[in-house]
Amino acid sequence: MIRRNSIFLTLSLILIVVLGLALLCVPKGDLHLFLCNRHTHARDIFYRYYTQVAEWFPYIVCIALLLFRRVGDGVFATACMLGSALTTQLCKHLVNAPRPTTWFATHMPDVTLPTVDGVHMNEWFSFPSGHTTSFFALAFVLCILVTSEKSPITNHKSQIALQIILVFFATLGAYSRIYLSQHFALDVFAGIVVGIGITMLFYVLFRHFDDKKWYNYHFF
């Protein structure tokens, strides 16, 4: 699995390392302002709507996989999305960290964060970023299915290209949470780790069912 998804995992690891170094070297508030303070009207519109993809699209994909591919693929994808979502929600309620608007109001009251019209600014349950978790969990699930032995995409170059595209769009989704000042970089960092980690865990569990009759059942 690691060898087949080496491009996705390598690029994700690079992102995690770069973000981790930034978190170690730059104060929390300064890093957030550096990352979020690049607003334009076009970006506001794009990120406002693109961030919402994580709220419904992953579950549409799970249903589609369940109905139109092997049942096991749909169950695997659903388990990854629900498992990562539950893990994230558990962490959120255990930590109950302030969102950027709340944190800046307390620690840097003179700073006014840029906002986007139509976006509700949450105040608590910041760590980790649930949207980021969903983006990366779904991207990794699709990478695993695309590079599997039973994937309809057999061309190696196409598989590599798809891995790069999926990392790009997942990263874009993760950045949208910082751009909109809904999360700090640390929340996004944790969301990436949770999304990939939970997906990898379920892959290890589900690979033992790959030759089972129910796993390979097709509705259509």
N, C-alpha and C. Protein backbone atom coordinates (compact mmCIF):
# COMPACT_ATOMS: atom_id res chain seq x y z
N MET A 1 0.82 -1.20 0.00
CA MET A 1 0.00 0.00 0.00
C MET A 1 0.86 1.25 0.00
N ILE A 2 1.89 1.28 0.84
CA ILE A 2 2.76 2.45 0.91
C ILE A 2 3.48 2.68 -0.41
N ARG A 3 3.96 1.58 -1.03
CA ARG A 3 4.67 1.72 -2.30
C ARG A 3 3.75 2.25 -3.39
N ARG A 4 2.54 1.74 -3.46
CA ARG A 4 1.61 2.15 -4.51
C ARG A 4 1.15 3.60 -4.32
N ASN A 5 1.09 4.04 -3.06
CA ASN A 5 0.64 5.40 -2.78
C ASN A 5 1.80 6.29 -2.33
N SER A 6 2.98 5.95 -2.79
CA SER A 6 4.18 6.66 -2.32
C SER A 6 4.16 8.14 -2.67
N ILE A 7 3.59 8.49 -3.82
CA ILE A 7 3.55 9.90 -4.22
C ILE A 7 2.65 10.69 -3.28
N PHE A 8 1.46 10.17 -3.04
CA PHE A 8 0.53 10.84 -2.13
C PHE A 8 1.13 10.98 -0.74
N LEU A 9 1.68 9.89 -0.22
CA LEU A 9 2.21 9.90 1.14
C LEU A 9 3.46 10.79 1.24
N THR A 10 4.29 10.78 0.22
CA THR A 10 5.50 11.61 0.23
C THR A 10 5.14 13.09 0.23
N LEU A 11 4.22 13.48 -0.65
CA LEU A 11 3.81 14.88 -0.72
C LEU A 11 3.10 15.31 0.56
N SER A 12 2.30 14.43 1.12
CA SER A 12 1.61 14.74 2.39
C SER A 12 2.62 14.88 3.52
N LEU A 13 3.63 14.02 3.52
CA LEU A 13 4.67 14.09 4.56
C LEU A 13 5.45 15.39 4.45
N ILE A 14 5.76 15.80 3.23
CA ILE A 14 6.45 17.08 3.02
C ILE A 14 5.61 18.23 3.57
N LEU A 15 4.31 18.19 3.29
CA LEU A 15 3.40 19.23 3.80
C LEU A 15 3.38 19.24 5.32
N ILE A 16 3.32 18.05 5.92
CA ILE A 16 3.30 17.93 7.38
C ILE A 16 4.59 18.48 7.98
N VAL A 17 5.74 18.14 7.38
CA VAL A 17 7.04 18.59 7.89
C VAL A 17 7.16 20.11 7.77
N VAL A 18 6.81 20.65 6.61
CA VAL A 18 6.90 22.11 6.41
C VAL A 18 6.00 22.84 7.39
N LEU A 19 4.78 22.35 7.53
CA LEU A 19 3.84 22.98 8.45
C LEU A 19 4.31 22.84 9.89
N GLY A 20 4.87 21.67 10.21
CA GLY A 20 5.39 21.44 11.56
C GLY A 20 6.54 22.38 11.89
N LEU A 21 7.45 22.58 10.94
CA LEU A 21 8.57 23.50 11.16
C LEU A 21 8.08 24.94 11.33
N ALA A 22 7.08 25.31 10.54
CA ALA A 22 6.51 26.65 10.67
C ALA A 22 5.89 26.84 12.04
N LEU A 23 5.22 25.82 12.53
CA LEU A 23 4.59 25.89 13.85
C LEU A 23 5.63 26.03 14.96
N LEU A 24 6.79 25.39 14.77
CA LEU A 24 7.85 25.46 15.76
C LEU A 24 8.59 26.80 15.75
N CYS A 25 8.68 27.40 14.57
CA CYS A 25 9.53 28.59 14.41
C CYS A 25 8.78 29.92 14.48
N VAL A 26 7.48 29.89 14.20
CA VAL A 26 6.72 31.14 14.11
C VAL A 26 5.63 31.15 15.18
N PRO A 27 5.48 32.24 15.93
CA PRO A 27 4.41 32.33 16.93
C PRO A 27 3.03 32.10 16.30
N LYS A 28 2.14 31.54 17.09
CA LYS A 28 0.82 31.13 16.61
C LYS A 28 0.07 32.25 15.88
N GLY A 29 -0.02 33.40 16.51
CA GLY A 29 -0.75 34.51 15.91
C GLY A 29 -0.11 35.03 14.65
N ASP A 30 1.22 35.18 14.67
CA ASP A 30 1.93 35.69 13.51
C ASP A 30 1.80 34.75 12.31
N LEU A 31 1.88 33.45 12.57
CA LEU A 31 1.75 32.47 11.49
C LEU A 31 0.36 32.52 10.87
N HIS A 32 -0.64 32.66 11.72
CA HIS A 32 -2.01 32.73 11.19
C HIS A 32 -2.20 33.97 10.32
N LEU A 33 -1.71 35.10 10.79
CA LEU A 33 -1.86 36.34 10.01
C LEU A 33 -1.11 36.25 8.69
N PHE A 34 0.05 35.64 8.70
CA PHE A 34 0.83 35.47 7.47
C PHE A 34 0.08 34.63 6.45
N LEU A 35 -0.59 33.58 6.93
CA LEU A 35 -1.27 32.65 6.03
C LEU A 35 -2.65 33.12 5.58
N CYS A 36 -3.33 33.88 6.42
CA CYS A 36 -4.73 34.24 6.10
C CYS A 36 -4.86 35.62 5.48
N ASN A 37 -3.81 36.42 5.54
CA ASN A 37 -3.92 37.83 5.17
C ASN A 37 -3.64 38.06 3.68
N ARG A 38 -4.28 37.26 2.81
CA ARG A 38 -4.07 37.39 1.36
C ARG A 38 -5.42 37.36 0.65
N HIS A 39 -6.31 38.18 1.13
CA HIS A 39 -7.68 38.16 0.61
C HIS A 39 -7.85 38.98 -0.66
N THR A 40 -8.59 38.41 -1.60
CA THR A 40 -9.10 39.12 -2.76
C THR A 40 -10.56 38.71 -2.92
N HIS A 41 -11.30 39.44 -3.71
CA HIS A 41 -12.71 39.12 -3.90
C HIS A 41 -12.87 37.73 -4.53
N ALA A 42 -12.04 37.42 -5.51
CA ALA A 42 -12.14 36.12 -6.17
C ALA A 42 -11.80 34.97 -5.21
N ARG A 43 -10.77 35.15 -4.42
CA ARG A 43 -10.40 34.12 -3.44
C ARG A 43 -11.48 33.95 -2.38
N ASP A 44 -12.06 35.06 -1.96
CA ASP A 44 -13.14 34.98 -0.96
C ASP A 44 -14.27 34.10 -1.45
N ILE A 45 -14.69 34.32 -2.68
CA ILE A 45 -15.78 33.53 -3.25
C ILE A 45 -15.36 32.07 -3.37
N PHE A 46 -14.16 31.83 -3.90
CA PHE A 46 -13.71 30.45 -4.12
C PHE A 46 -13.63 29.68 -2.81
N TYR A 47 -12.93 30.21 -1.83
CA TYR A 47 -12.72 29.47 -0.58
C TYR A 47 -14.00 29.35 0.24
N ARG A 48 -14.88 30.33 0.12
CA ARG A 48 -16.16 30.24 0.84
C ARG A 48 -16.93 29.00 0.42
N TYR A 49 -16.94 28.71 -0.88
CA TYR A 49 -17.70 27.58 -1.38
C TYR A 49 -16.89 26.29 -1.42
N TYR A 50 -15.60 26.42 -1.71
CA TYR A 50 -14.79 25.20 -1.81
C TYR A 50 -14.68 24.49 -0.46
N THR A 51 -14.60 25.24 0.61
CA THR A 51 -14.47 24.63 1.94
C THR A 51 -15.68 23.76 2.28
N GLN A 52 -16.85 24.08 1.68
CA GLN A 52 -18.07 23.33 1.96
C GLN A 52 -18.08 21.96 1.30
N VAL A 53 -17.16 21.74 0.37
CA VAL A 53 -17.06 20.43 -0.28
C VAL A 53 -16.88 19.33 0.76
N ALA A 54 -16.12 19.61 1.82
CA ALA A 54 -15.83 18.61 2.86
C ALA A 54 -17.05 18.25 3.67
N GLU A 55 -18.12 19.05 3.58
CA GLU A 55 -19.31 18.81 4.40
C GLU A 55 -20.27 17.80 3.78
N TRP A 56 -20.20 17.62 2.45
CA TRP A 56 -21.16 16.70 1.80
C TRP A 56 -20.54 15.81 0.73
N PHE A 57 -19.55 16.29 0.01
CA PHE A 57 -19.00 15.53 -1.12
C PHE A 57 -18.41 14.18 -0.71
N PRO A 58 -17.65 14.09 0.40
CA PRO A 58 -17.10 12.79 0.78
C PRO A 58 -18.15 11.71 0.96
N TYR A 59 -19.31 12.10 1.45
CA TYR A 59 -20.35 11.10 1.72
C TYR A 59 -21.10 10.71 0.45
N ILE A 60 -21.17 11.62 -0.52
CA ILE A 60 -21.70 11.28 -1.84
C ILE A 60 -20.79 10.27 -2.51
N VAL A 61 -19.48 10.48 -2.37
CA VAL A 61 -18.51 9.55 -2.94
C VAL A 61 -18.66 8.17 -2.30
N CYS A 62 -18.84 8.14 -0.99
CA CYS A 62 -19.00 6.86 -0.28
C CYS A 62 -20.22 6.10 -0.80
N ILE A 63 -21.34 6.81 -0.99
CA ILE A 63 -22.56 6.18 -1.50
C ILE A 63 -22.34 5.68 -2.92
N ALA A 64 -21.66 6.49 -3.74
CA ALA A 64 -21.40 6.09 -5.12
C ALA A 64 -20.52 4.83 -5.17
N LEU A 65 -19.52 4.78 -4.33
CA LEU A 65 -18.64 3.61 -4.28
C LEU A 65 -19.42 2.38 -3.81
N LEU A 66 -20.29 2.59 -2.84
CA LEU A 66 -21.07 1.48 -2.31
C LEU A 66 -22.01 0.89 -3.37
N LEU A 67 -22.56 1.74 -4.20
CA LEU A 67 -23.54 1.29 -5.20
C LEU A 67 -22.92 0.82 -6.51
N PHE A 68 -21.88 1.50 -6.96
CA PHE A 68 -21.41 1.26 -8.31
C PHE A 68 -20.06 0.54 -8.41
N ARG A 69 -19.37 0.37 -7.30
CA ARG A 69 -18.17 -0.45 -7.30
C ARG A 69 -18.37 -1.61 -6.34
N ARG A 70 -17.32 -2.24 -5.94
CA ARG A 70 -17.45 -3.31 -4.96
C ARG A 70 -18.03 -2.76 -3.66
N VAL A 71 -18.91 -3.51 -3.05
CA VAL A 71 -19.51 -3.09 -1.79
C VAL A 71 -18.42 -2.80 -0.76
N GLY A 72 -17.37 -3.62 -0.76
CA GLY A 72 -16.29 -3.44 0.19
C GLY A 72 -15.61 -2.10 0.08
N ASP A 73 -15.49 -1.58 -1.16
CA ASP A 73 -14.88 -0.27 -1.34
C ASP A 73 -15.73 0.82 -0.71
N GLY A 74 -17.05 0.70 -0.88
CA GLY A 74 -17.95 1.67 -0.27
C GLY A 74 -17.93 1.61 1.24
N VAL A 75 -17.90 0.39 1.77
CA VAL A 75 -17.86 0.22 3.23
C VAL A 75 -16.54 0.76 3.77
N PHE A 76 -15.44 0.47 3.08
CA PHE A 76 -14.13 0.97 3.49
C PHE A 76 -14.10 2.49 3.50
N ALA A 77 -14.59 3.11 2.43
CA ALA A 77 -14.59 4.57 2.35
C ALA A 77 -15.47 5.17 3.45
N THR A 78 -16.64 4.57 3.67
CA THR A 78 -17.55 5.08 4.70
C THR A 78 -16.92 4.95 6.09
N ALA A 79 -16.28 3.82 6.34
CA ALA A 79 -15.62 3.61 7.64
C ALA A 79 -14.53 4.65 7.87
N CYS A 80 -13.77 4.95 6.82
CA CYS A 80 -12.70 5.96 6.94
C CYS A 80 -13.26 7.34 7.24
N MET A 81 -14.33 7.71 6.53
CA MET A 81 -14.90 9.05 6.72
C MET A 81 -15.54 9.17 8.10
N LEU A 82 -16.32 8.16 8.49
CA LEU A 82 -16.97 8.22 9.80
C LEU A 82 -15.96 8.10 10.94
N GLY A 83 -14.98 7.21 10.76
CA GLY A 83 -13.96 7.04 11.80
C GLY A 83 -13.14 8.30 12.02
N SER A 84 -12.74 8.94 10.93
CA SER A 84 -11.95 10.18 11.06
C SER A 84 -12.81 11.31 11.62
N ALA A 85 -14.08 11.36 11.22
CA ALA A 85 -14.98 12.41 11.73
C ALA A 85 -15.22 12.24 13.23
N LEU A 86 -15.45 11.01 13.67
CA LEU A 86 -15.68 10.77 15.09
C LEU A 86 -14.43 11.06 15.92
N THR A 87 -13.27 10.69 15.39
CA THR A 87 -12.01 10.97 16.08
C THR A 87 -11.81 12.48 16.24
N THR A 88 -12.09 13.20 15.17
CA THR A 88 -11.95 14.65 15.20
C THR A 88 -12.90 15.29 16.21
N GLN A 89 -14.16 14.85 16.18
CA GLN A 89 -15.14 15.42 17.10
C GLN A 89 -14.79 15.12 18.56
N LEU A 90 -14.29 13.93 18.81
CA LEU A 90 -13.86 13.57 20.17
C LEU A 90 -12.75 14.49 20.64
N CYS A 91 -11.75 14.69 19.78
CA CYS A 91 -10.64 15.58 20.12
C CYS A 91 -11.13 17.01 20.34
N LYS A 92 -12.03 17.48 19.46
CA LYS A 92 -12.55 18.84 19.59
C LYS A 92 -13.18 19.07 20.97
N HIS A 93 -13.99 18.12 21.41
CA HIS A 93 -14.71 18.30 22.66
C HIS A 93 -13.83 18.06 23.89
N LEU A 94 -12.77 17.28 23.71
CA LEU A 94 -11.83 17.09 24.81
C LEU A 94 -10.95 18.32 25.01
N VAL A 95 -10.52 18.92 23.91
CA VAL A 95 -9.60 20.06 23.96
C VAL A 95 -10.37 21.38 24.10
N ASN A 96 -11.44 21.53 23.31
CA ASN A 96 -12.26 22.75 23.29
C ASN A 96 -11.40 24.00 23.15
N ALA A 97 -10.57 24.01 22.11
CA ALA A 97 -9.66 25.13 21.87
C ALA A 97 -10.40 26.29 21.19
N PRO A 98 -9.98 27.53 21.48
CA PRO A 98 -10.63 28.69 20.85
C PRO A 98 -10.29 28.80 19.37
N ARG A 99 -11.25 29.23 18.59
CA ARG A 99 -11.04 29.51 17.17
C ARG A 99 -10.26 30.82 17.05
N PRO A 100 -9.74 31.13 15.87
CA PRO A 100 -8.96 32.37 15.70
C PRO A 100 -9.66 33.64 16.17
N THR A 101 -10.97 33.78 15.88
CA THR A 101 -11.66 35.00 16.30
C THR A 101 -11.64 35.16 17.82
N THR A 102 -11.86 34.07 18.52
CA THR A 102 -11.85 34.12 19.99
C THR A 102 -10.45 34.32 20.53
N TRP A 103 -9.49 33.62 19.96
CA TRP A 103 -8.10 33.70 20.43
C TRP A 103 -7.54 35.11 20.22
N PHE A 104 -7.76 35.68 19.05
CA PHE A 104 -7.22 37.02 18.76
C PHE A 104 -7.90 38.08 19.62
N ALA A 105 -9.17 37.90 19.90
CA ALA A 105 -9.86 38.87 20.76
C ALA A 105 -9.25 38.92 22.15
N THR A 106 -8.68 37.80 22.59
CA THR A 106 -8.07 37.72 23.92
C THR A 106 -6.59 38.08 23.91
N HIS A 107 -5.85 37.55 22.95
CA HIS A 107 -4.39 37.69 22.95
C HIS A 107 -3.86 38.83 22.08
N MET A 108 -4.57 39.18 21.03
CA MET A 108 -4.14 40.27 20.15
C MET A 108 -5.36 41.11 19.79
N PRO A 109 -5.95 41.82 20.77
CA PRO A 109 -7.22 42.53 20.55
C PRO A 109 -7.15 43.65 19.53
N ASP A 110 -5.95 44.14 19.24
CA ASP A 110 -5.82 45.23 18.27
C ASP A 110 -5.88 44.74 16.82
N VAL A 111 -5.83 43.42 16.63
CA VAL A 111 -5.83 42.85 15.28
C VAL A 111 -7.26 42.55 14.85
N THR A 112 -7.60 42.98 13.65
CA THR A 112 -8.89 42.66 13.05
C THR A 112 -8.69 41.64 11.94
N LEU A 113 -9.19 40.45 12.14
CA LEU A 113 -9.02 39.40 11.14
C LEU A 113 -9.87 39.67 9.92
N PRO A 114 -9.34 39.39 8.73
CA PRO A 114 -10.14 39.53 7.52
C PRO A 114 -11.24 38.48 7.50
N THR A 115 -12.44 38.88 7.11
CA THR A 115 -13.56 37.96 7.06
C THR A 115 -14.16 37.92 5.66
N VAL A 116 -15.00 36.93 5.43
CA VAL A 116 -15.65 36.76 4.14
C VAL A 116 -17.15 36.83 4.34
N ASP A 117 -17.82 37.63 3.54
CA ASP A 117 -19.27 37.78 3.64
C ASP A 117 -19.96 36.43 3.50
N GLY A 118 -20.91 36.18 4.39
CA GLY A 118 -21.68 34.95 4.31
C GLY A 118 -21.10 33.78 5.07
N VAL A 119 -19.90 33.95 5.64
CA VAL A 119 -19.27 32.87 6.39
C VAL A 119 -19.46 33.13 7.89
N HIS A 120 -20.12 32.19 8.55
CA HIS A 120 -20.32 32.30 9.99
C HIS A 120 -19.01 31.97 10.72
N MET A 121 -18.59 32.86 11.61
CA MET A 121 -17.34 32.68 12.31
C MET A 121 -17.58 31.90 13.61
N ASN A 122 -17.07 30.67 13.65
CA ASN A 122 -17.18 29.85 14.86
C ASN A 122 -16.21 30.35 15.93
N GLU A 123 -16.50 30.04 17.18
CA GLU A 123 -15.71 30.59 18.28
C GLU A 123 -14.91 29.54 19.04
N TRP A 124 -15.39 28.29 19.09
CA TRP A 124 -14.72 27.26 19.87
C TRP A 124 -14.61 25.95 19.09
N PHE A 125 -14.05 24.94 19.75
CA PHE A 125 -13.85 23.61 19.16
C PHE A 125 -12.99 23.69 17.89
N SER A 126 -11.83 24.30 18.05
CA SER A 126 -10.95 24.55 16.91
C SER A 126 -10.04 23.38 16.56
N PHE A 127 -9.61 22.61 17.57
CA PHE A 127 -8.59 21.58 17.35
C PHE A 127 -9.18 20.18 17.42
N PRO A 128 -8.95 19.37 16.37
CA PRO A 128 -8.34 19.67 15.07
C PRO A 128 -9.38 20.13 14.06
N SER A 129 -8.97 20.41 12.84
CA SER A 129 -9.87 20.86 11.79
C SER A 129 -10.61 19.67 11.17
N GLY A 130 -11.93 19.64 11.36
CA GLY A 130 -12.72 18.55 10.82
C GLY A 130 -12.77 18.56 9.30
N HIS A 131 -12.86 19.74 8.71
CA HIS A 131 -12.89 19.83 7.24
C HIS A 131 -11.58 19.30 6.65
N THR A 132 -10.46 19.68 7.26
CA THR A 132 -9.17 19.19 6.78
C THR A 132 -9.09 17.67 6.88
N THR A 133 -9.57 17.13 7.99
CA THR A 133 -9.60 15.68 8.17
C THR A 133 -10.38 15.01 7.05
N SER A 134 -11.55 15.55 6.73
CA SER A 134 -12.38 14.98 5.66
C SER A 134 -11.70 15.07 4.30
N PHE A 135 -11.11 16.22 4.02
CA PHE A 135 -10.42 16.39 2.74
C PHE A 135 -9.32 15.35 2.56
N PHE A 136 -8.49 15.16 3.57
CA PHE A 136 -7.35 14.25 3.43
C PHE A 136 -7.76 12.79 3.56
N ALA A 137 -8.76 12.50 4.37
CA ALA A 137 -9.24 11.12 4.46
C ALA A 137 -9.80 10.68 3.12
N LEU A 138 -10.63 11.52 2.51
CA LEU A 138 -11.21 11.18 1.21
C LEU A 138 -10.14 11.06 0.14
N ALA A 139 -9.20 12.00 0.12
CA ALA A 139 -8.14 11.96 -0.89
C ALA A 139 -7.32 10.68 -0.77
N PHE A 140 -7.02 10.27 0.45
CA PHE A 140 -6.22 9.06 0.65
C PHE A 140 -7.01 7.81 0.28
N VAL A 141 -8.30 7.80 0.62
CA VAL A 141 -9.16 6.68 0.23
C VAL A 141 -9.16 6.52 -1.29
N LEU A 142 -9.34 7.62 -1.99
CA LEU A 142 -9.37 7.55 -3.45
C LEU A 142 -8.02 7.11 -4.01
N CYS A 143 -6.94 7.56 -3.39
CA CYS A 143 -5.60 7.12 -3.83
C CYS A 143 -5.45 5.61 -3.67
N ILE A 144 -5.90 5.09 -2.55
CA ILE A 144 -5.79 3.65 -2.30
C ILE A 144 -6.58 2.86 -3.34
N LEU A 145 -7.80 3.33 -3.65
CA LEU A 145 -8.64 2.62 -4.61
C LEU A 145 -8.11 2.76 -6.03
N VAL A 146 -7.58 3.93 -6.35
CA VAL A 146 -7.05 4.18 -7.70
C VAL A 146 -5.82 3.33 -7.98
N THR A 147 -5.01 3.09 -6.95
CA THR A 147 -3.75 2.36 -7.15
C THR A 147 -3.85 0.88 -6.80
N SER A 148 -5.05 0.41 -6.46
CA SER A 148 -5.20 -1.00 -6.10
C SER A 148 -5.08 -1.90 -7.33
N GLU A 149 -4.89 -3.18 -7.09
CA GLU A 149 -4.76 -4.12 -8.19
C GLU A 149 -6.04 -4.24 -9.00
N LYS A 150 -7.18 -3.94 -8.39
CA LYS A 150 -8.46 -4.06 -9.06
C LYS A 150 -8.97 -2.72 -9.57
N SER A 151 -8.13 -1.73 -9.59
CA SER A 151 -8.52 -0.41 -10.08
C SER A 151 -8.71 -0.43 -11.59
N PRO A 152 -9.73 0.27 -12.11
CA PRO A 152 -9.90 0.35 -13.56
C PRO A 152 -8.83 1.21 -14.23
N ILE A 153 -8.11 1.98 -13.42
CA ILE A 153 -7.02 2.82 -13.95
C ILE A 153 -5.72 2.05 -13.78
N THR A 154 -5.20 1.50 -14.87
CA THR A 154 -4.02 0.64 -14.80
C THR A 154 -2.74 1.34 -15.23
N ASN A 155 -2.88 2.48 -15.90
CA ASN A 155 -1.69 3.19 -16.36
C ASN A 155 -0.96 3.83 -15.18
N HIS A 156 0.32 3.51 -15.03
CA HIS A 156 1.09 3.98 -13.88
C HIS A 156 1.20 5.51 -13.86
N LYS A 157 1.41 6.13 -15.00
CA LYS A 157 1.53 7.58 -15.05
C LYS A 157 0.22 8.26 -14.67
N SER A 158 -0.89 7.65 -15.06
CA SER A 158 -2.19 8.22 -14.70
C SER A 158 -2.42 8.12 -13.20
N GLN A 159 -1.99 7.02 -12.61
CA GLN A 159 -2.11 6.86 -11.16
C GLN A 159 -1.28 7.90 -10.41
N ILE A 160 -0.08 8.15 -10.90
CA ILE A 160 0.78 9.16 -10.28
C ILE A 160 0.15 10.55 -10.39
N ALA A 161 -0.37 10.86 -11.59
CA ALA A 161 -0.99 12.17 -11.82
C ALA A 161 -2.19 12.37 -10.89
N LEU A 162 -2.99 11.33 -10.73
CA LEU A 162 -4.16 11.42 -9.86
C LEU A 162 -3.77 11.63 -8.40
N GLN A 163 -2.69 10.98 -7.97
CA GLN A 163 -2.22 11.17 -6.60
C GLN A 163 -1.81 12.62 -6.36
N ILE A 164 -1.11 13.20 -7.33
CA ILE A 164 -0.67 14.60 -7.21
C ILE A 164 -1.88 15.53 -7.17
N ILE A 165 -2.86 15.26 -8.04
CA ILE A 165 -4.07 16.09 -8.09
C ILE A 165 -4.84 16.01 -6.78
N LEU A 166 -4.95 14.81 -6.23
CA LEU A 166 -5.70 14.63 -4.99
C LEU A 166 -5.02 15.34 -3.81
N VAL A 167 -3.70 15.28 -3.76
CA VAL A 167 -2.98 16.01 -2.71
C VAL A 167 -3.20 17.51 -2.86
N PHE A 168 -3.16 17.98 -4.09
CA PHE A 168 -3.35 19.40 -4.36
C PHE A 168 -4.71 19.89 -3.87
N PHE A 169 -5.77 19.16 -4.25
CA PHE A 169 -7.11 19.60 -3.88
C PHE A 169 -7.36 19.44 -2.38
N ALA A 170 -6.78 18.43 -1.75
CA ALA A 170 -6.91 18.28 -0.29
C ALA A 170 -6.19 19.41 0.42
N THR A 171 -5.01 19.78 -0.06
CA THR A 171 -4.25 20.88 0.53
C THR A 171 -5.00 22.20 0.37
N LEU A 172 -5.62 22.37 -0.78
CA LEU A 172 -6.42 23.58 -1.03
C LEU A 172 -7.57 23.67 -0.02
N GLY A 173 -8.19 22.52 0.24
CA GLY A 173 -9.27 22.48 1.23
C GLY A 173 -8.78 22.79 2.62
N ALA A 174 -7.61 22.25 2.96
CA ALA A 174 -7.02 22.52 4.27
C ALA A 174 -6.70 24.01 4.42
N TYR A 175 -6.13 24.60 3.38
CA TYR A 175 -5.78 26.02 3.45
C TYR A 175 -7.02 26.91 3.56
N SER A 176 -8.14 26.45 2.97
CA SER A 176 -9.36 27.25 3.04
C SER A 176 -9.78 27.51 4.48
N ARG A 177 -9.47 26.58 5.38
CA ARG A 177 -9.85 26.74 6.79
C ARG A 177 -9.04 27.84 7.47
N ILE A 178 -7.79 28.00 7.04
CA ILE A 178 -6.95 29.08 7.57
C ILE A 178 -7.33 30.39 6.91
N TYR A 179 -7.53 30.37 5.62
CA TYR A 179 -7.90 31.57 4.87
C TYR A 179 -9.16 32.21 5.44
N LEU A 180 -10.13 31.37 5.79
CA LEU A 180 -11.39 31.86 6.33
C LEU A 180 -11.33 32.14 7.83
N SER A 181 -10.15 31.95 8.43
CA SER A 181 -9.93 32.16 9.87
C SER A 181 -10.87 31.32 10.72
N GLN A 182 -11.16 30.11 10.25
CA GLN A 182 -11.92 29.16 11.04
C GLN A 182 -11.00 28.26 11.86
N HIS A 183 -9.74 28.18 11.44
CA HIS A 183 -8.78 27.32 12.14
C HIS A 183 -7.38 27.92 12.08
N PHE A 184 -6.55 27.49 13.03
CA PHE A 184 -5.12 27.81 13.01
C PHE A 184 -4.38 26.73 12.23
N ALA A 185 -3.12 27.03 11.91
CA ALA A 185 -2.28 26.07 11.20
C ALA A 185 -2.13 24.77 11.99
N LEU A 186 -2.08 24.87 13.32
CA LEU A 186 -1.95 23.67 14.16
C LEU A 186 -3.18 22.77 14.00
N ASP A 187 -4.36 23.36 13.89
CA ASP A 187 -5.58 22.58 13.70
C ASP A 187 -5.56 21.83 12.37
N VAL A 188 -5.07 22.51 11.35
CA VAL A 188 -4.96 21.91 10.02
C VAL A 188 -3.92 20.80 10.04
N PHE A 189 -2.79 21.05 10.68
CA PHE A 189 -1.74 20.05 10.83
C PHE A 189 -2.31 18.77 11.44
N ALA A 190 -3.05 18.91 12.52
CA ALA A 190 -3.64 17.75 13.19
C ALA A 190 -4.68 17.08 12.32
N GLY A 191 -5.46 17.88 11.57
CA GLY A 191 -6.47 17.32 10.69
C GLY A 191 -5.87 16.45 9.60
N ILE A 192 -4.74 16.87 9.05
CA ILE A 192 -4.05 16.07 8.02
C ILE A 192 -3.61 14.74 8.62
N VAL A 193 -3.00 14.81 9.79
CA VAL A 193 -2.49 13.59 10.45
C VAL A 193 -3.64 12.63 10.77
N VAL A 194 -4.74 13.15 11.29
CA VAL A 194 -5.88 12.30 11.64
C VAL A 194 -6.49 11.68 10.39
N GLY A 195 -6.69 12.48 9.35
CA GLY A 195 -7.30 11.98 8.12
C GLY A 195 -6.50 10.86 7.50
N ILE A 196 -5.19 11.05 7.40
CA ILE A 196 -4.33 10.02 6.81
C ILE A 196 -4.18 8.83 7.76
N GLY A 197 -4.00 9.12 9.04
CA GLY A 197 -3.77 8.05 10.03
C GLY A 197 -4.96 7.11 10.16
N ILE A 198 -6.18 7.66 10.26
CA ILE A 198 -7.37 6.82 10.40
C ILE A 198 -7.60 6.01 9.13
N THR A 199 -7.38 6.62 7.98
CA THR A 199 -7.55 5.90 6.72
C THR A 199 -6.56 4.74 6.62
N MET A 200 -5.33 4.97 7.02
CA MET A 200 -4.33 3.90 7.00
C MET A 200 -4.72 2.77 7.95
N LEU A 201 -5.25 3.13 9.11
CA LEU A 201 -5.68 2.12 10.09
C LEU A 201 -6.78 1.23 9.51
N PHE A 202 -7.78 1.86 8.88
CA PHE A 202 -8.88 1.08 8.31
C PHE A 202 -8.42 0.26 7.10
N TYR A 203 -7.43 0.77 6.37
CA TYR A 203 -6.90 -0.01 5.26
C TYR A 203 -6.30 -1.31 5.78
N VAL A 204 -5.52 -1.22 6.84
CA VAL A 204 -4.91 -2.42 7.44
C VAL A 204 -5.98 -3.41 7.88
N LEU A 205 -7.10 -2.90 8.42
CA LEU A 205 -8.18 -3.76 8.88
C LEU A 205 -8.95 -4.39 7.71
N PHE A 206 -9.24 -3.57 6.70
CA PHE A 206 -10.09 -4.03 5.61
C PHE A 206 -9.36 -4.88 4.58
N ARG A 207 -8.06 -4.81 4.51
CA ARG A 207 -7.33 -5.60 3.51
C ARG A 207 -7.54 -7.09 3.73
N HIS A 208 -7.90 -7.51 4.93
CA HIS A 208 -8.12 -8.93 5.23
C HIS A 208 -9.45 -9.43 4.66
N PHE A 209 -10.31 -8.49 4.22
CA PHE A 209 -11.61 -8.89 3.66
C PHE A 209 -11.61 -8.86 2.14
N ASP A 210 -10.49 -8.52 1.53
CA ASP A 210 -10.46 -8.26 0.09
C ASP A 210 -10.91 -9.46 -0.74
N ASP A 211 -10.70 -10.67 -0.26
CA ASP A 211 -11.09 -11.86 -1.02
C ASP A 211 -12.43 -12.44 -0.58
N LYS A 212 -13.13 -11.75 0.31
CA LYS A 212 -14.42 -12.21 0.79
C LYS A 212 -15.51 -11.93 -0.25
N LYS A 213 -16.51 -12.81 -0.29
CA LYS A 213 -17.57 -12.67 -1.28
C LYS A 213 -18.33 -11.36 -1.11
N TRP A 214 -18.69 -11.01 0.14
CA TRP A 214 -19.47 -9.79 0.37
C TRP A 214 -18.70 -8.54 -0.05
N TYR A 215 -17.37 -8.57 0.13
CA TYR A 215 -16.55 -7.41 -0.19
C TYR A 215 -16.56 -7.14 -1.70
N ASN A 216 -16.63 -8.18 -2.50
CA ASN A 216 -16.55 -8.06 -3.95
C ASN A 216 -17.92 -8.04 -4.62
N TYR A 217 -18.99 -7.93 -3.83
CA TYR A 217 -20.34 -7.90 -4.38
C TYR A 217 -20.58 -6.57 -5.09
N HIS A 218 -21.31 -6.62 -6.21
CA HIS A 218 -21.69 -5.42 -6.96
C HIS A 218 -23.21 -5.32 -7.01
N PHE A 219 -23.75 -4.13 -6.74
CA PHE A 219 -25.19 -3.92 -6.87
C PHE A 219 -25.59 -3.84 -8.33
N PHE A 220 -24.69 -3.30 -9.17
CA PHE A 220 -25.01 -3.14 -10.59
C PHE A 220 -23.92 -3.82 -11.43
